[in-house]
Protein backbone atom coordinates (compact mmCIF):
# COMPACT_ATOMS: atom_id res chain seq x y z
CA MET A 1 176.74 126.86 123.15
CA GLN A 2 179.58 125.73 120.96
CA ASN A 3 179.51 125.87 117.09
CA ILE A 4 180.60 123.50 114.48
CA PRO A 5 183.08 125.04 111.93
CA THR A 6 181.93 124.16 108.28
CA ASP A 7 185.25 123.90 107.13
CA LEU A 8 185.60 120.90 109.39
CA LEU A 9 181.79 119.82 108.18
CA ARG A 10 183.28 119.87 104.65
CA THR A 11 186.53 118.15 105.01
CA PHE A 12 184.42 115.27 106.80
CA VAL A 13 181.95 114.83 104.23
CA THR A 14 184.74 115.06 101.42
CA ALA A 15 186.55 112.20 103.33
CA ILE A 16 183.13 110.11 103.19
CA ASP A 17 182.54 110.82 99.47
CA LEU A 18 186.01 110.27 98.22
CA GLY A 19 186.71 107.19 100.26
CA SER A 20 189.64 108.26 101.73
CA PHE A 21 191.46 111.10 104.01
CA THR A 22 194.21 110.99 101.24
CA ARG A 23 192.17 111.82 98.34
CA ALA A 24 190.24 114.14 100.42
CA ALA A 25 193.28 116.19 101.27
CA GLU A 26 193.82 116.75 97.62
CA ALA A 27 190.04 117.97 96.92
CA VAL A 28 190.24 120.35 99.75
CA GLY A 29 193.91 121.66 99.12
CA ARG A 30 195.16 120.15 102.32
CA THR A 31 198.01 117.61 103.48
CA GLN A 32 196.64 114.50 105.00
CA SER A 33 197.91 115.14 108.18
CA ALA A 34 196.28 118.43 108.13
CA VAL A 35 192.79 116.55 107.02
CA SER A 36 193.56 113.90 109.73
CA LEU A 37 193.83 116.82 112.40
CA GLN A 38 190.57 118.46 110.84
CA ILE A 39 188.37 115.00 111.41
CA ARG A 40 190.35 114.93 115.12
CA ARG A 41 189.20 118.62 116.02
CA LEU A 42 185.44 117.93 114.57
CA GLU A 43 185.62 114.64 116.87
CA GLU A 44 186.50 116.93 119.88
CA VAL A 45 183.82 119.41 119.16
CA ALA A 46 181.26 116.86 118.63
CA LYS A 47 182.43 114.94 121.55
CA VAL A 48 181.85 111.46 119.68
CA ALA A 49 184.18 108.88 117.71
CA LEU A 50 183.25 109.72 114.09
CA PHE A 51 185.12 106.68 112.76
CA VAL A 52 185.91 103.06 113.83
CA ARG A 53 189.49 102.98 112.94
CA ASP A 54 191.72 99.87 112.45
CA ALA A 55 194.71 98.66 110.37
CA HIS A 56 193.19 98.58 106.71
CA ARG A 57 189.58 99.81 106.86
CA LEU A 58 187.45 103.24 107.76
CA HIS A 59 184.22 102.87 109.09
CA LEU A 60 181.71 105.79 110.31
CA THR A 61 180.30 104.76 113.85
CA PRO A 62 176.33 105.50 114.21
CA GLU A 63 177.13 108.85 115.48
CA GLY A 64 179.35 109.81 112.48
CA ARG A 65 176.70 108.65 109.87
CA LEU A 66 174.17 110.66 111.92
CA LEU A 67 176.40 113.72 111.60
CA ALA A 68 177.26 112.92 107.83
CA GLN A 69 173.37 113.50 107.34
CA TYR A 70 173.35 116.79 109.29
CA ALA A 71 176.81 117.90 107.85
CA ARG A 72 175.04 117.55 104.39
CA ARG A 73 172.16 119.71 105.15
CA ILE A 74 174.22 122.41 107.04
CA LEU A 75 176.78 122.77 103.80
CA ALA A 76 173.80 122.72 101.64
CA LEU A 77 172.37 125.55 103.39
CA ASN A 78 175.79 127.27 103.60
CA ASP A 79 176.28 127.19 99.70
CA GLU A 80 172.69 128.31 99.21
CA ALA A 81 172.87 131.45 101.02
CA LEU A 82 176.06 132.40 99.80
CA SER A 83 175.00 131.68 95.94
CA SER A 84 171.80 133.33 96.54
CA LEU A 85 173.72 136.22 97.96
CA ARG A 86 176.22 136.56 95.20
CA ARG A 87 174.06 135.67 92.10
CA PRO A 88 170.56 137.27 93.08
CA ASN A 89 169.67 138.37 89.42
CA VAL A 90 170.12 135.15 87.20
CA GLU A 91 167.07 134.00 85.70
CA GLY A 92 165.94 132.42 82.52
CA ARG A 93 164.97 129.40 81.23
CA VAL A 94 167.31 126.25 80.34
CA ARG A 95 166.40 123.02 78.17
CA LEU A 96 168.85 120.44 79.59
CA GLY A 97 168.73 117.13 77.69
CA ALA A 98 170.51 113.84 79.45
CA PRO A 99 170.23 110.17 79.46
CA HIS A 100 167.33 108.20 81.28
CA GLU A 101 169.91 106.84 83.54
CA TYR A 102 171.14 110.01 84.78
CA THR A 103 168.17 111.70 85.34
CA ALA A 104 166.98 109.14 87.39
CA SER A 105 170.17 108.78 89.21
CA LEU A 106 172.47 111.62 89.69
CA LEU A 107 171.08 114.46 88.33
CA PRO A 108 168.03 115.25 90.73
CA GLU A 109 170.73 115.67 93.26
CA PHE A 110 172.73 118.18 90.96
CA LEU A 111 169.50 119.92 89.82
CA GLY A 112 167.98 120.05 93.41
CA LYS A 113 170.90 122.27 94.55
CA PHE A 114 171.29 124.12 91.44
CA ALA A 115 167.34 125.33 91.90
CA GLN A 116 167.88 126.11 95.34
CA SER A 117 170.85 128.68 94.43
CA HIS A 118 169.11 129.88 91.24
CA PRO A 119 165.39 130.04 92.28
CA ASN A 120 164.83 132.43 89.00
CA VAL A 121 166.26 129.49 86.59
CA MET A 122 163.48 127.49 85.16
CA LEU A 123 164.58 124.10 84.29
CA GLU A 124 163.14 121.97 81.17
CA VAL A 125 164.49 118.51 81.69
CA THR A 126 164.28 115.94 78.85
CA SER A 127 165.24 112.20 78.96
CA ASP A 128 166.23 110.49 75.64
CA LEU A 129 168.79 108.24 74.26
CA SER A 130 172.67 110.56 73.66
CA LYS A 131 172.20 110.57 69.97
CA ASN A 132 168.38 111.38 69.90
CA LEU A 133 169.40 114.48 72.46
CA LEU A 134 172.07 115.60 70.27
CA ARG A 135 169.83 115.68 67.30
CA ARG A 136 167.53 117.74 69.31
CA LEU A 137 170.42 120.43 70.32
CA ARG A 138 171.04 120.78 66.57
CA ASN A 139 167.71 121.13 65.87
CA GLY A 140 167.29 124.03 68.18
CA ALA A 141 164.95 122.38 70.66
CA LEU A 142 167.42 122.08 73.72
CA ASP A 143 170.17 124.57 75.08
CA LEU A 144 172.28 122.33 76.75
CA VAL A 145 172.98 118.27 76.48
CA ILE A 146 174.84 115.68 78.85
CA ALA A 147 175.72 112.85 76.41
CA LEU A 148 177.70 109.65 76.31
CA HIS A 149 180.32 109.11 73.93
CA HIS A 150 182.96 106.62 73.21
CA GLU A 151 185.98 107.80 74.21
CA THR A 152 187.69 107.82 70.54
CA ASP A 153 184.67 109.94 69.06
CA ALA A 154 185.38 113.28 67.79
CA GLY A 155 182.05 114.46 68.82
CA GLY A 156 182.87 117.42 70.57
CA GLY A 157 181.52 118.87 73.77
CA ARG A 158 183.29 119.55 77.31
CA SER A 159 184.56 116.27 78.72
CA VAL A 160 182.96 116.09 82.36
CA SER A 161 183.56 112.65 83.29
CA THR A 162 184.76 109.19 82.07
CA GLU A 163 182.75 106.38 83.08
CA ALA A 164 183.46 102.61 83.63
CA VAL A 165 181.02 100.31 81.70
CA VAL A 166 179.73 97.27 83.34
CA TRP A 167 177.69 93.94 82.88
CA ILE A 168 174.70 94.01 85.14
CA THR A 169 172.37 91.08 86.43
CA SER A 170 169.85 89.90 89.04
CA ALA A 171 171.41 88.73 92.25
CA ASP A 172 168.17 86.51 92.65
CA HIS A 173 168.06 85.08 89.17
CA SER A 174 170.62 82.93 86.74
CA SER A 175 169.77 84.41 83.59
CA HIS A 176 173.39 85.29 83.00
CA GLN A 177 174.11 81.47 83.07
CA ARG A 178 171.64 80.69 79.95
CA THR A 179 172.40 80.23 76.34
CA PRO A 180 171.90 81.93 74.34
CA LEU A 181 172.49 84.86 76.66
CA PRO A 182 169.14 86.86 77.20
CA LEU A 183 169.85 90.46 76.81
CA VAL A 184 167.57 93.47 78.37
CA VAL A 185 168.45 96.26 75.86
CA ALA A 186 167.05 99.75 74.87
CA PRO A 187 166.36 100.55 70.75
CA PRO A 188 168.80 102.06 68.85
CA PRO A 189 170.82 104.29 68.73
CA CYS A 190 171.53 103.21 72.42
CA ILE A 191 175.46 103.37 72.92
CA TYR A 192 174.81 100.60 75.49
CA ARG A 193 173.52 98.41 73.05
CA ASP A 194 175.75 98.77 70.47
CA LEU A 195 178.75 97.92 73.49
CA MET A 196 176.94 94.60 73.98
CA LEU A 197 176.26 93.12 71.00
CA ARG A 198 179.79 93.98 69.37
CA SER A 199 181.25 92.57 72.41
CA LEU A 200 179.26 89.47 72.13
CA ASN A 201 179.65 89.12 68.48
CA GLN A 202 183.18 89.49 68.54
CA ARG A 203 183.71 86.32 70.92
CA ASN A 204 181.10 84.09 69.25
CA ARG A 205 178.89 84.07 72.18
CA SER A 206 175.09 83.47 71.23
CA CYS A 207 172.71 85.71 72.54
CA ARG A 208 169.08 86.92 72.19
CA ILE A 209 167.26 90.13 72.84
CA THR A 210 164.40 89.39 75.33
CA TYR A 211 163.16 92.65 76.59
CA LEU A 212 163.14 96.09 74.92
CA SER A 213 162.82 99.29 76.95
CA SER A 214 164.20 103.04 76.46
CA SER A 215 163.31 103.50 80.01
CA TYR A 216 166.23 103.20 82.55
CA ASN A 217 163.52 102.12 85.14
CA GLY A 218 161.83 99.55 82.76
CA ILE A 219 165.52 98.14 81.77
CA ALA A 220 166.28 98.03 85.62
CA ALA A 221 163.05 96.23 86.38
CA ALA A 222 163.37 93.76 83.54
CA VAL A 223 167.01 92.76 84.94
CA ARG A 224 166.01 92.85 88.22
CA ALA A 225 163.20 90.32 87.19
CA GLY A 226 165.65 88.08 85.75
CA LEU A 227 164.64 88.55 82.04
CA GLY A 228 168.08 89.30 81.03
CA VAL A 229 171.41 91.13 81.73
CA SER A 230 172.20 94.42 80.36
CA VAL A 231 175.25 97.25 80.58
CA MET A 232 175.17 100.68 82.39
CA THR A 233 177.92 102.59 83.75
CA ALA A 234 179.13 101.53 87.18
CA ARG A 235 178.05 105.11 89.06
CA THR A 236 174.26 104.67 87.57
CA ARG A 237 173.91 100.91 88.04
CA PRO A 238 170.55 100.65 90.10
CA ALA A 239 170.69 99.05 93.44
CA GLY A 240 170.34 95.72 94.00
CA LEU A 241 171.67 94.38 91.11
CA MET A 242 174.90 92.46 90.55
CA THR A 243 178.01 93.04 88.19
CA LEU A 244 179.51 90.69 86.18
CA ASP A 245 183.35 90.18 85.13
CA GLU A 246 185.48 88.26 83.22
CA ARG A 247 185.57 85.58 86.03
CA SER A 248 181.84 85.05 85.35
CA GLY A 249 182.82 84.88 81.26
CA PHE A 250 182.04 88.34 80.59
CA PRO A 251 184.39 90.47 78.81
CA PRO A 252 185.49 94.17 80.06
CA LEU A 253 183.64 96.81 78.01
CA GLY A 254 185.88 99.91 78.39
CA ASN A 255 184.76 102.86 79.18
CA LEU A 256 182.14 105.84 78.12
CA GLU A 257 183.01 109.45 78.41
CA VAL A 258 180.45 111.96 79.67
CA ARG A 259 180.39 115.35 77.47
CA LEU A 260 178.38 118.41 77.92
CA HIS A 261 177.12 119.94 74.51
CA ARG A 262 176.05 123.72 74.36
CA ALA A 263 173.91 124.90 71.53
CA ASP A 264 174.91 128.63 71.68
CA ALA A 265 178.35 129.79 71.27
CA GLN A 266 177.31 133.08 73.26
CA PRO A 267 174.52 131.45 75.86
CA PRO A 268 172.50 133.62 78.34
CA GLU A 269 173.99 133.42 82.01
CA ALA A 270 171.78 131.14 83.12
CA ILE A 271 172.69 128.72 80.74
CA THR A 272 176.52 129.05 81.21
CA ARG A 273 175.76 128.93 85.14
CA LEU A 274 173.94 125.16 84.66
CA GLU A 275 176.90 124.30 82.61
CA ASP A 276 179.43 125.19 84.87
CA TYR A 277 177.70 123.85 87.91
CA VAL A 278 177.12 120.11 86.19
CA THR A 279 180.68 120.24 85.33
CA GLU A 280 181.78 121.01 89.13
CA SER A 281 179.44 118.31 90.25
CA PHE A 282 180.62 115.75 88.01
CA ALA A 283 184.01 116.50 89.17
CA GLN A 284 183.34 115.92 92.79
CA ILE A 285 181.72 112.98 92.74
CA ARG A 286 183.49 109.16 92.49
CA ALA A 287 182.31 105.51 91.96
CA PRO A 288 180.09 104.63 94.37
CA ALA A 289 181.59 103.73 97.82
CA ALA A 290 181.26 100.34 99.69
CA PHE A 291 179.47 100.04 102.24
CA ALA A 292 179.82 97.38 105.32
CA PRO A 293 176.93 95.15 106.26
CA ASP A 294 175.99 97.10 109.04
CA GLY A 295 175.62 100.17 106.41
CA GLY A 296 178.74 101.64 107.68
CA PHE A 297 181.12 103.34 105.46
CA ILE A 298 183.88 101.27 104.22
CA ALA A 299 187.04 103.15 102.55
CA ALA A 300 189.39 101.36 100.11
CA ALA A 301 192.20 101.66 102.87
CA PHE A 302 192.45 103.48 106.06
CA ASP A 303 194.52 106.70 105.25
CA PRO A 304 195.41 107.50 109.17
C-alpha cells in the first residue's frame, strides 16, 4: 500500500491556511513552482484532484476537503509523537491569562496541541480583560499573559501578532442603522470599548450603551440578537456576524497588537515552552480565509 509523504501534506495544509501557493512557499521555505509540484505529486498519490482551478480562484474539491481533514490529523499526530520523544521530561504548572475572545476562539486549538505534546504540564487558564490580566500578572497570580495593546503603547511584552479591529453587527437586524447607535460593550477597562467610544465621539455620532457584558459569548449573543453593534478583532469575530466599514458609515478603527507578557525573568521550562508555542502558533495563522457558497476554500488569487 502506498504512503502519503508528510511533507506533501504539510505543504497542502499550509497552502489552505495561508490562502495561496505563494505564501505557502514562503512559509515552508520553497519556491512557488516547488510548492505547485508538491501539490501535483500529492494529487498523483491520492489519485484525485484536490483543487478546482480557474483563472482567478482556487477551490478545494470535495476530495480535497476530505483529505484536508485527514492531513491535519496525521500532521498533529506526527508532531505530537516527535515532541513527546524529544521533550519527555517537561513538567509543571503554567497559569495563563488571555482575553475572553481568544480563550473562546483560537486558544483551545493552540492549547490542545500543546497539551498533547506536553502531557505532564498542567495548564490553568484565566479569562479577563487585558488590563485586569496584566494587573494579576504583576501581583504574582499569573505566569504568562496574552494581552491586547494599542500599537503605540509602551507596555512591554513580546509582540506576537497585529490584529485588525472591525465593527460587528447582526446579519438579521438593523441595529447599526439606528440613532442613537446602540452599543454592546464590556465594562471598563476594555480596550474595545475605548476604541468605540473615542471613534464615535470624534465624529460627534450619538450613541448609547444598550448591553453590558464582560463575556465574549455574551457580547456575541447580544449582537446576534440585534441589541446593538460592537467591535472585535477580525480574527476573533464570531461566526454569523457581519462586519461594517466606511461604506456603512463606520470609521476604521486601526489595529491592536497582541503581546505576550511573562512574570518571571528566568521562568521554569514549562513556561518558556508554552511561551514559544503560543508565539509560533500566532505566527502560523492568518486572518480567516474566505469560503465559497458550497463550502469550498477560495484563495484570494490563484497562484498556479
